[in-house]
């Protein structure tokens, strides 16, 4: 898992909502109805933006220093962290008893999906 931290500019709108922009990520914009929602949306937007750049094999820009960000009245800067997981499929050889494989085939289950779900539960990442 890769970790990214970028400064985000939060602009307080007249209706109490927030618009969030990233000075280093042109076009990465989000909004939140409250400050808590805006923080959540900022992290979500950052994660999706980095995932997009990674998928398209584009260079990920360096983050500016917090002190280098210029803000206007009604704005503040906050650092936002995104954990980006590499979701590419990898092949692994797995051994299971023949009877279990027969049951999986019989029931139409996806062995890969069952294994992924079990590992997510075991690792506490559901």
C-alpha atoms as a PDB file:
ATOM      1  CA  UNK A   1       0.000   0.000   0.000  1.00  0.00           C
ATOM      2  CA  UNK A   2       1.284   3.439  -0.916  1.00  0.00           C
ATOM      3  CA  UNK A   3       0.636   6.451   1.258  1.00  0.00           C
ATOM      4  CA  UNK A   4       0.242   9.987  -0.106  1.00  0.00           C
ATOM      5  CA  UNK A   5      -0.179  13.276   1.776  1.00  0.00           C
ATOM      6  CA  UNK A   6      -1.245  16.472   0.011  1.00  0.00           C
ATOM      7  CA  UNK A   7      -2.335  19.913   1.186  1.00  0.00           C
ATOM      8  CA  UNK A   8      -5.991  20.631   0.416  1.00  0.00           C
ATOM      9  CA  UNK A   9      -7.644  24.042   0.423  1.00  0.00           C
ATOM     10  CA  UNK A  10     -11.062  24.124   2.089  1.00  0.00           C
ATOM     11  CA  UNK A  11     -13.267  27.028   1.060  1.00  0.00           C
ATOM     12  CA  UNK A  12     -16.275  27.742   3.286  1.00  0.00           C
ATOM     13  CA  UNK A  13     -19.337  28.470   1.148  1.00  0.00           C
ATOM     14  CA  UNK A  14     -22.241  30.735   2.159  1.00  0.00           C
ATOM     15  CA  UNK A  15     -24.516  27.745   2.783  1.00  0.00           C
ATOM     16  CA  UNK A  16     -22.046  26.209   5.255  1.00  0.00           C
ATOM     17  CA  UNK A  17     -20.733  23.624   2.814  1.00  0.00           C
ATOM     18  CA  UNK A  18     -17.089  23.350   1.771  1.00  0.00           C
ATOM     19  CA  UNK A  19     -15.390  23.195  -1.604  1.00  0.00           C
ATOM     20  CA  UNK A  20     -12.083  21.336  -1.555  1.00  0.00           C
ATOM     21  CA  UNK A  21      -9.277  21.792  -4.083  1.00  0.00           C
ATOM     22  CA  UNK A  22      -5.753  20.448  -4.323  1.00  0.00           C
ATOM     23  CA  UNK A  23      -3.212  23.023  -5.567  1.00  0.00           C
ATOM     24  CA  UNK A  24      -0.871  20.249  -6.738  1.00  0.00           C
ATOM     25  CA  UNK A  25      -3.562  18.185  -8.482  1.00  0.00           C
ATOM     26  CA  UNK A  26      -5.219  20.379 -11.089  1.00  0.00           C
ATOM     27  CA  UNK A  27      -8.835  19.338 -11.516  1.00  0.00           C
ATOM     28  CA  UNK A  28      -9.083  17.376  -8.273  1.00  0.00           C
ATOM     29  CA  UNK A  29     -12.096  19.047  -6.662  1.00  0.00           C
ATOM     30  CA  UNK A  30     -14.682  17.857  -4.173  1.00  0.00           C
ATOM     31  CA  UNK A  31     -17.366  19.220  -1.874  1.00  0.00           C
ATOM     32  CA  UNK A  32     -18.755  18.424   1.547  1.00  0.00           C
ATOM     33  CA  UNK A  33     -21.979  19.497   3.232  1.00  0.00           C
ATOM     34  CA  UNK A  34     -20.280  19.829   6.631  1.00  0.00           C
ATOM     35  CA  UNK A  35     -16.681  19.976   7.799  1.00  0.00           C
ATOM     36  CA  UNK A  36     -16.720  16.281   8.762  1.00  0.00           C
ATOM     37  CA  UNK A  37     -18.221  15.343   5.403  1.00  0.00           C
ATOM     38  CA  UNK A  38     -15.731  17.596   3.602  1.00  0.00           C
ATOM     39  CA  UNK A  39     -12.804  15.850   5.304  1.00  0.00           C
ATOM     40  CA  UNK A  40     -14.174  12.480   4.213  1.00  0.00           C
ATOM     41  CA  UNK A  41     -14.802  13.705   0.666  1.00  0.00           C
ATOM     42  CA  UNK A  42     -11.308  15.235   0.491  1.00  0.00           C
ATOM     43  CA  UNK A  43      -9.709  11.904   1.336  1.00  0.00           C
ATOM     44  CA  UNK A  44     -11.948  10.055  -1.112  1.00  0.00           C
ATOM     45  CA  UNK A  45     -11.185  12.500  -3.938  1.00  0.00           C
ATOM     46  CA  UNK A  46      -7.441  12.318  -3.287  1.00  0.00           C
ATOM     47  CA  UNK A  47      -7.454   8.521  -3.229  1.00  0.00           C
ATOM     48  CA  UNK A  48      -9.421   8.280  -6.481  1.00  0.00           C
ATOM     49  CA  UNK A  49      -7.222  10.889  -8.169  1.00  0.00           C
ATOM     50  CA  UNK A  50      -4.006   9.068  -7.271  1.00  0.00           C
ATOM     51  CA  UNK A  51      -5.522   5.738  -8.351  1.00  0.00           C
ATOM     52  CA  UNK A  52      -6.492   7.309 -11.686  1.00  0.00           C
ATOM     53  CA  UNK A  53      -2.987   8.697 -12.259  1.00  0.00           C
ATOM     54  CA  UNK A  54      -1.505   5.306 -11.366  1.00  0.00           C
ATOM     55  CA  UNK A  55      -3.877   3.416 -13.680  1.00  0.00           C
ATOM     56  CA  UNK A  56      -3.071   5.779 -16.564  1.00  0.00           C
ATOM     57  CA  UNK A  57       0.654   5.488 -15.783  1.00  0.00           C
ATOM     58  CA  UNK A  58       0.912   9.251 -15.348  1.00  0.00           C
ATOM     59  CA  UNK A  59       3.452  10.914 -13.101  1.00  0.00           C
ATOM     60  CA  UNK A  60       2.199  11.705  -9.609  1.00  0.00           C
ATOM     61  CA  UNK A  61       3.167  15.307  -8.748  1.00  0.00           C
ATOM     62  CA  UNK A  62       5.119  16.134  -5.620  1.00  0.00           C
ATOM     63  CA  UNK A  63       3.114  17.690  -2.816  1.00  0.00           C
ATOM     64  CA  UNK A  64       3.736  21.319  -1.944  1.00  0.00           C
ATOM     65  CA  UNK A  65       4.827  22.295   1.531  1.00  0.00           C
ATOM     66  CA  UNK A  66       1.946  23.416   3.703  1.00  0.00           C
ATOM     67  CA  UNK A  67       3.522  26.870   4.189  1.00  0.00           C
ATOM     68  CA  UNK A  68       3.767  27.421   0.409  1.00  0.00           C
ATOM     69  CA  UNK A  69      -0.019  27.400  -0.105  1.00  0.00           C
ATOM     70  CA  UNK A  70      -1.687  30.799  -0.496  1.00  0.00           C
ATOM     71  CA  UNK A  71      -5.261  31.056   0.735  1.00  0.00           C
ATOM     72  CA  UNK A  72      -8.018  33.669   0.606  1.00  0.00           C
ATOM     73  CA  UNK A  73     -10.459  34.798   3.286  1.00  0.00           C
ATOM     74  CA  UNK A  74     -12.840  32.014   4.253  1.00  0.00           C
ATOM     75  CA  UNK A  75     -10.294  29.298   3.400  1.00  0.00           C
ATOM     76  CA  UNK A  76      -7.938  27.073   5.337  1.00  0.00           C
ATOM     77  CA  UNK A  77      -5.384  24.440   4.380  1.00  0.00           C
ATOM     78  CA  UNK A  78      -5.265  20.956   5.813  1.00  0.00           C
ATOM     79  CA  UNK A  79      -3.116  17.956   5.005  1.00  0.00           C
ATOM     80  CA  UNK A  80      -5.047  14.985   3.626  1.00  0.00           C
ATOM     81  CA  UNK A  81      -3.715  11.427   3.579  1.00  0.00           C
ATOM     82  CA  UNK A  82      -4.690   8.756   1.098  1.00  0.00           C
ATOM     83  CA  UNK A  83      -3.771   5.087   1.309  1.00  0.00           C
ATOM     84  CA  UNK A  84      -3.779   3.665  -2.197  1.00  0.00           C
ATOM     85  CA  UNK A  85      -3.942  -0.095  -2.513  1.00  0.00           C
ATOM     86  CA  UNK A  86      -2.607  -1.951  -5.517  1.00  0.00           C
ATOM     87  CA  UNK A  87      -5.686  -3.880  -6.660  1.00  0.00           C
ATOM     88  CA  UNK A  88      -4.045  -5.674  -9.559  1.00  0.00           C
ATOM     89  CA  UNK A  89      -4.804  -9.385  -9.599  1.00  0.00           C
ATOM     90  CA  UNK A  90      -1.920 -11.741  -8.913  1.00  0.00           C
ATOM     91  CA  UNK A  91      -1.842 -15.466  -9.497  1.00  0.00           C
ATOM     92  CA  UNK A  92      -1.130 -17.730  -6.526  1.00  0.00           C
ATOM     93  CA  UNK A  93      -1.092 -21.478  -6.370  1.00  0.00           C
ATOM     94  CA  UNK A  94      -3.468 -22.727  -3.696  1.00  0.00           C
ATOM     95  CA  UNK A  95      -4.015 -26.267  -2.539  1.00  0.00           C
ATOM     96  CA  UNK A  96      -7.398 -27.467  -1.307  1.00  0.00           C
ATOM     97  CA  UNK A  97      -8.798 -30.977  -0.866  1.00  0.00           C
ATOM     98  CA  UNK A  98     -10.426 -32.538  -3.946  1.00  0.00           C
ATOM     99  CA  UNK A  99     -13.800 -32.856  -2.217  1.00  0.00           C
ATOM    100  CA  UNK A 100     -13.741 -29.118  -1.464  1.00  0.00           C
ATOM    101  CA  UNK A 101     -12.916 -28.254  -5.064  1.00  0.00           C
ATOM    102  CA  UNK A 102     -15.801 -30.494  -6.213  1.00  0.00           C
ATOM    103  CA  UNK A 103     -18.203 -28.682  -3.851  1.00  0.00           C
ATOM    104  CA  UNK A 104     -17.017 -25.272  -5.069  1.00  0.00           C
ATOM    105  CA  UNK A 105     -17.603 -26.298  -8.676  1.00  0.00           C
ATOM    106  CA  UNK A 106     -20.950 -27.879  -7.813  1.00  0.00           C
ATOM    107  CA  UNK A 107     -22.257 -24.761  -6.066  1.00  0.00           C
ATOM    108  CA  UNK A 108     -20.923 -22.352  -8.696  1.00  0.00           C
ATOM    109  CA  UNK A 109     -18.891 -20.354  -6.199  1.00  0.00           C
ATOM    110  CA  UNK A 110     -15.895 -18.349  -7.314  1.00  0.00           C
ATOM    111  CA  UNK A 111     -12.939 -19.753  -5.415  1.00  0.00           C
ATOM    112  CA  UNK A 112     -11.049 -16.480  -5.921  1.00  0.00           C
ATOM    113  CA  UNK A 113     -13.922 -14.402  -4.493  1.00  0.00           C
ATOM    114  CA  UNK A 114     -14.355 -16.712  -1.483  1.00  0.00           C
ATOM    115  CA  UNK A 115     -10.622 -16.588  -0.765  1.00  0.00           C
ATOM    116  CA  UNK A 116     -10.545 -12.789  -1.093  1.00  0.00           C
ATOM    117  CA  UNK A 117     -13.554 -12.381   1.208  1.00  0.00           C
ATOM    118  CA  UNK A 118     -12.072 -14.750   3.788  1.00  0.00           C
ATOM    119  CA  UNK A 119      -8.711 -12.967   3.721  1.00  0.00           C
ATOM    120  CA  UNK A 120     -10.342  -9.535   4.052  1.00  0.00           C
ATOM    121  CA  UNK A 121     -12.286 -10.747   7.073  1.00  0.00           C
ATOM    122  CA  UNK A 122      -9.212 -12.382   8.609  1.00  0.00           C
ATOM    123  CA  UNK A 123      -7.071  -9.291   7.994  1.00  0.00           C
ATOM    124  CA  UNK A 124      -9.794  -6.955   9.277  1.00  0.00           C
ATOM    125  CA  UNK A 125      -9.972  -4.930   6.065  1.00  0.00           C
ATOM    126  CA  UNK A 126     -13.647  -5.357   5.180  1.00  0.00           C
END
